[in-house]
Amino acid sequence: MVANLTEASRDHIKDEHFAFPKERKMPIHDAAHIRNAIARFNQVKDVTVEERDRAWSRIKAAAKKHNVEMNEESWHQLNKTK
């Protein structure tokens, strides 16, 4: 279960701890939020394919750091695993 972030606590998260730092979308600062980012990745709107690629790389790095198992190598596989 992902803890709800208050606006104040979200404001204290560094940009590099978001999958999409420019937009400050999808915090990936802990294991629960990483799993949530993976589950909801395809719901993000108004980002380019290149931004998705960079975001996926950030999610993979965060998952490795926080020991979160990922079954997908690419975000393109997300719809195929459901």
C-alpha atoms as a PDB file:
ATOM      1  CA  MET A   1       0.000   0.000   0.000  1.00  0.00           C
ATOM      2  CA  VAL A   2       1.303   3.432  -0.924  1.00  0.00           C
ATOM      3  CA  ALA A   3       1.168   6.101   1.743  1.00  0.00           C
ATOM      4  CA  ASN A   4      -0.526   9.272   0.586  1.00  0.00           C
ATOM      5  CA  LEU A   5       1.907  12.124   0.263  1.00  0.00           C
ATOM      6  CA  THR A   6       0.838  15.476   1.549  1.00  0.00           C
ATOM      7  CA  GLU A   7       1.688  18.433  -0.651  1.00  0.00           C
ATOM      8  CA  ALA A   8       4.268  19.556   1.904  1.00  0.00           C
ATOM      9  CA  SER A   9       5.998  16.171   2.067  1.00  0.00           C
ATOM     10  CA  ARG A  10       5.893  15.855  -1.730  1.00  0.00           C
ATOM     11  CA  ASP A  11       7.557  19.270  -2.014  1.00  0.00           C
ATOM     12  CA  HIS A  12      10.499  17.946   0.029  1.00  0.00           C
ATOM     13  CA  ILE A  13      11.204  15.101  -2.404  1.00  0.00           C
ATOM     14  CA  LYS A  14      14.153  15.906  -4.636  1.00  0.00           C
ATOM     15  CA  ASP A  15      13.472  16.099  -8.374  1.00  0.00           C
ATOM     16  CA  GLU A  16      15.743  13.111  -9.038  1.00  0.00           C
ATOM     17  CA  HIS A  17      13.407  10.976  -6.918  1.00  0.00           C
ATOM     18  CA  PHE A  18      10.606  11.271  -9.464  1.00  0.00           C
ATOM     19  CA  ALA A  19      10.286   9.101 -12.553  1.00  0.00           C
ATOM     20  CA  PHE A  20       9.386  12.264 -14.469  1.00  0.00           C
ATOM     21  CA  PRO A  21      11.381  14.965 -12.635  1.00  0.00           C
ATOM     22  CA  LYS A  22      10.528  17.872 -14.942  1.00  0.00           C
ATOM     23  CA  GLU A  23       6.814  17.270 -14.346  1.00  0.00           C
ATOM     24  CA  ARG A  24       7.391  15.961 -10.787  1.00  0.00           C
ATOM     25  CA  LYS A  25       5.260  12.935 -11.622  1.00  0.00           C
ATOM     26  CA  MET A  26       5.561   9.535  -9.990  1.00  0.00           C
ATOM     27  CA  PRO A  27       7.716   9.678  -6.874  1.00  0.00           C
ATOM     28  CA  ILE A  28      10.188   6.778  -6.697  1.00  0.00           C
ATOM     29  CA  HIS A  29      11.865   7.483  -3.371  1.00  0.00           C
ATOM     30  CA  ASP A  30      10.861   4.207  -1.680  1.00  0.00           C
ATOM     31  CA  ALA A  31       9.851   0.658  -2.591  1.00  0.00           C
ATOM     32  CA  ALA A  32       6.088   1.217  -2.305  1.00  0.00           C
ATOM     33  CA  HIS A  33       6.178   4.233  -4.614  1.00  0.00           C
ATOM     34  CA  ILE A  34       8.400   2.386  -7.097  1.00  0.00           C
ATOM     35  CA  ARG A  35       5.891  -0.466  -7.325  1.00  0.00           C
ATOM     36  CA  ASN A  36       3.110   2.091  -7.736  1.00  0.00           C
ATOM     37  CA  ALA A  37       5.044   3.897 -10.490  1.00  0.00           C
ATOM     38  CA  ILE A  38       5.445   0.623 -12.384  1.00  0.00           C
ATOM     39  CA  ALA A  39       1.760  -0.243 -12.012  1.00  0.00           C
ATOM     40  CA  ARG A  40       0.581   3.178 -13.161  1.00  0.00           C
ATOM     41  CA  PHE A  41       3.293   3.961 -15.706  1.00  0.00           C
ATOM     42  CA  ASN A  42       0.987   3.794 -18.726  1.00  0.00           C
ATOM     43  CA  GLN A  43      -1.450   6.228 -17.103  1.00  0.00           C
ATOM     44  CA  VAL A  44       0.954   9.175 -17.386  1.00  0.00           C
ATOM     45  CA  LYS A  45      -0.218  11.693 -19.970  1.00  0.00           C
ATOM     46  CA  ASP A  46       1.518  14.442 -21.925  1.00  0.00           C
ATOM     47  CA  VAL A  47       5.037  13.001 -22.000  1.00  0.00           C
ATOM     48  CA  THR A  48       7.123  11.977 -25.005  1.00  0.00           C
ATOM     49  CA  VAL A  49       8.446   8.505 -25.781  1.00  0.00           C
ATOM     50  CA  GLU A  50      11.923   9.775 -24.919  1.00  0.00           C
ATOM     51  CA  GLU A  51      10.703  11.041 -21.545  1.00  0.00           C
ATOM     52  CA  ARG A  52       9.106   7.636 -20.914  1.00  0.00           C
ATOM     53  CA  ASP A  53      12.397   5.924 -21.766  1.00  0.00           C
ATOM     54  CA  ARG A  54      14.301   8.150 -19.323  1.00  0.00           C
ATOM     55  CA  ALA A  55      11.619   7.685 -16.658  1.00  0.00           C
ATOM     56  CA  TRP A  56      11.792   3.908 -17.050  1.00  0.00           C
ATOM     57  CA  SER A  57      15.563   4.040 -16.608  1.00  0.00           C
ATOM     58  CA  ARG A  58      15.091   6.021 -13.393  1.00  0.00           C
ATOM     59  CA  ILE A  59      12.499   3.523 -12.147  1.00  0.00           C
ATOM     60  CA  LYS A  60      14.822   0.600 -12.902  1.00  0.00           C
ATOM     61  CA  ALA A  61      17.696   2.264 -11.047  1.00  0.00           C
ATOM     62  CA  ALA A  62      15.459   3.066  -8.057  1.00  0.00           C
ATOM     63  CA  ALA A  63      14.101  -0.500  -8.055  1.00  0.00           C
ATOM     64  CA  LYS A  64      17.620  -1.894  -7.949  1.00  0.00           C
ATOM     65  CA  LYS A  65      18.558   0.481  -5.109  1.00  0.00           C
ATOM     66  CA  HIS A  66      15.459  -0.451  -3.075  1.00  0.00           C
ATOM     67  CA  ASN A  67      15.504  -4.183  -3.957  1.00  0.00           C
ATOM     68  CA  VAL A  68      12.215  -4.079  -5.870  1.00  0.00           C
ATOM     69  CA  GLU A  69      11.865  -6.958  -8.315  1.00  0.00           C
ATOM     70  CA  MET A  70      10.879  -5.962 -11.835  1.00  0.00           C
ATOM     71  CA  ASN A  71       9.657  -8.467 -14.410  1.00  0.00           C
ATOM     72  CA  GLU A  72       9.762  -6.052 -17.345  1.00  0.00           C
ATOM     73  CA  GLU A  73      12.943  -4.852 -19.008  1.00  0.00           C
ATOM     74  CA  SER A  74      11.104  -2.138 -20.940  1.00  0.00           C
ATOM     75  CA  TRP A  75       7.981  -0.090 -20.327  1.00  0.00           C
ATOM     76  CA  HIS A  76       6.771  -1.396 -23.702  1.00  0.00           C
ATOM     77  CA  GLN A  77       6.241  -4.769 -22.014  1.00  0.00           C
ATOM     78  CA  LEU A  78       3.788  -3.444 -19.436  1.00  0.00           C
ATOM     79  CA  ASN A  79       0.623  -4.067 -21.474  1.00  0.00           C
ATOM     80  CA  LYS A  80       1.905  -7.466 -22.560  1.00  0.00           C
ATOM     81  CA  THR A  81       2.280  -8.795 -19.018  1.00  0.00           C
ATOM     82  CA  LYS A  82      -1.307  -8.140 -17.969  1.00  0.00           C
END
